[in-house]
Amino acid sequence: MKNQFVRICIEILGGIIVSVVLCAIWIFFGYFHINSAELSNYTVSFFGVPIYEITNIADEMTGSAMNQNMSIIGISCSIILIFVVELIYYFKSKKTKSMENDTK
């Protein structure tokens, strides 16, 4: 039970880290896009969810994060990572148990 709790905590942290990295990459590309297309404002979206608003006024770019949407993405990434890792762990443990039963 303790191992599963630690594993799930690590998976939650891993999901948050993955979402931070993905959002940072998306925001970087948003700044790149607004700079190359010479737009006055741009909303960075992650799969249709707005996460960052960039405004370009007099060649000065400012941005504001949409923290609630970023939190939703972080929670979603954590849940997805938990499901994927736990399914992999389940099938690996099931495979080793069946192999142990076959050797008896």
Protein backbone atom coordinates (compact mmCIF):
# COMPACT_ATOMS: atom_id res chain seq x y z
CA MET A 1 0.00 0.00 0.00
CA LYS A 2 2.83 2.39 0.86
CA ASN A 3 4.57 1.74 -2.47
CA GLN A 4 1.40 2.51 -4.41
CA PHE A 5 0.89 5.77 -2.51
CA VAL A 6 4.46 6.90 -3.21
CA ARG A 7 4.13 5.86 -6.86
CA ILE A 8 0.90 7.87 -7.29
CA CYS A 9 2.46 10.93 -5.61
CA ILE A 10 5.38 10.74 -8.03
CA GLU A 11 2.96 10.36 -10.95
CA ILE A 12 1.04 13.47 -9.83
CA LEU A 13 4.26 15.48 -9.61
CA GLY A 14 5.34 14.12 -12.98
CA GLY A 15 2.03 15.18 -14.54
CA ILE A 16 2.42 18.69 -13.16
CA ILE A 17 5.97 18.91 -14.50
CA VAL A 18 4.85 17.66 -17.92
CA SER A 19 2.04 20.25 -18.04
CA VAL A 20 4.41 23.07 -17.04
CA VAL A 21 6.85 22.10 -19.78
CA LEU A 22 4.07 21.80 -22.39
CA CYS A 23 2.55 25.16 -21.42
CA ALA A 24 5.97 26.82 -21.52
CA ILE A 25 6.60 25.45 -25.01
CA TRP A 26 3.15 26.59 -26.19
CA ILE A 27 3.71 30.08 -24.73
CA PHE A 28 7.14 30.28 -26.38
CA PHE A 29 5.57 29.47 -29.74
CA GLY A 30 2.86 32.06 -29.01
CA TYR A 31 5.49 34.77 -28.54
CA PHE A 32 7.25 33.56 -31.68
CA HIS A 33 3.97 33.69 -33.64
CA ILE A 34 2.95 37.17 -32.46
CA ASN A 35 6.45 38.46 -33.24
CA SER A 36 6.68 36.92 -36.71
CA ALA A 37 3.10 37.78 -37.76
CA GLU A 38 3.26 41.27 -36.20
CA LEU A 39 -0.06 40.86 -34.41
CA SER A 40 -1.38 43.22 -31.74
CA ASN A 41 -2.65 40.45 -29.48
CA TYR A 42 -2.73 36.68 -29.44
CA THR A 43 -4.30 34.05 -27.22
CA VAL A 44 -2.26 30.90 -26.71
CA SER A 45 -4.50 27.84 -26.57
CA PHE A 46 -3.66 24.31 -25.52
CA PHE A 47 -6.08 21.95 -27.31
CA GLY A 48 -8.69 24.72 -27.43
CA VAL A 49 -8.22 25.84 -23.83
CA PRO A 50 -6.84 29.40 -23.61
CA ILE A 51 -3.82 29.47 -21.30
CA TYR A 52 -2.04 32.76 -22.04
CA GLU A 53 -2.89 36.17 -23.51
CA ILE A 54 -0.09 38.09 -25.24
CA THR A 55 -0.47 41.79 -26.07
CA ASN A 56 1.91 43.76 -28.28
CA ILE A 57 1.70 47.52 -27.68
CA ALA A 58 4.37 49.79 -29.22
CA ASP A 59 6.81 46.88 -29.70
CA GLU A 60 6.50 45.91 -26.04
CA MET A 61 5.00 42.49 -25.46
CA THR A 62 3.20 41.71 -22.24
CA GLY A 63 1.51 38.52 -21.26
CA SER A 64 -0.99 37.37 -18.71
CA ALA A 65 -1.52 33.80 -17.63
CA MET A 66 -4.93 32.23 -17.29
CA ASN A 67 -4.06 30.34 -14.12
CA GLN A 68 -7.34 28.48 -13.76
CA ASN A 69 -7.02 26.95 -17.22
CA MET A 70 -3.36 26.10 -16.62
CA SER A 71 -4.39 24.35 -13.40
CA ILE A 72 -6.97 22.31 -15.29
CA ILE A 73 -4.30 21.26 -17.77
CA GLY A 74 -1.97 20.30 -14.90
CA ILE A 75 -4.67 18.20 -13.25
CA SER A 76 -5.54 16.57 -16.59
CA CYS A 77 -1.91 15.68 -17.31
CA SER A 78 -1.56 14.21 -13.82
CA ILE A 79 -4.70 12.08 -14.20
CA ILE A 80 -3.60 10.84 -17.63
CA LEU A 81 -0.13 10.00 -16.32
CA ILE A 82 -1.60 8.15 -13.33
CA PHE A 83 -3.85 6.04 -15.59
CA VAL A 84 -1.06 5.22 -18.05
CA VAL A 85 1.54 4.31 -15.44
CA GLU A 86 -0.90 2.33 -13.30
CA LEU A 87 -2.12 0.38 -16.35
CA ILE A 88 1.47 -0.42 -17.29
CA TYR A 89 2.21 -1.46 -13.70
CA TYR A 90 -0.95 -3.60 -13.59
CA PHE A 91 -0.16 -5.45 -16.81
CA LYS A 92 3.48 -5.98 -15.83
CA SER A 93 2.50 -7.38 -12.44
CA LYS A 94 -0.17 -9.57 -14.06
CA LYS A 95 2.37 -10.89 -16.54
CA THR A 96 4.92 -11.75 -13.83
CA LYS A 97 2.23 -13.48 -11.73
CA SER A 98 1.13 -15.61 -14.69
CA MET A 99 4.76 -16.50 -15.42
CA GLU A 100 5.23 -17.57 -11.78
CA ASN A 101 2.11 -19.75 -11.98
CA ASP A 102 3.33 -21.35 -15.22
CA THR A 103 6.66 -22.35 -13.67
CA LYS A 104 4.99 -24.20 -10.77
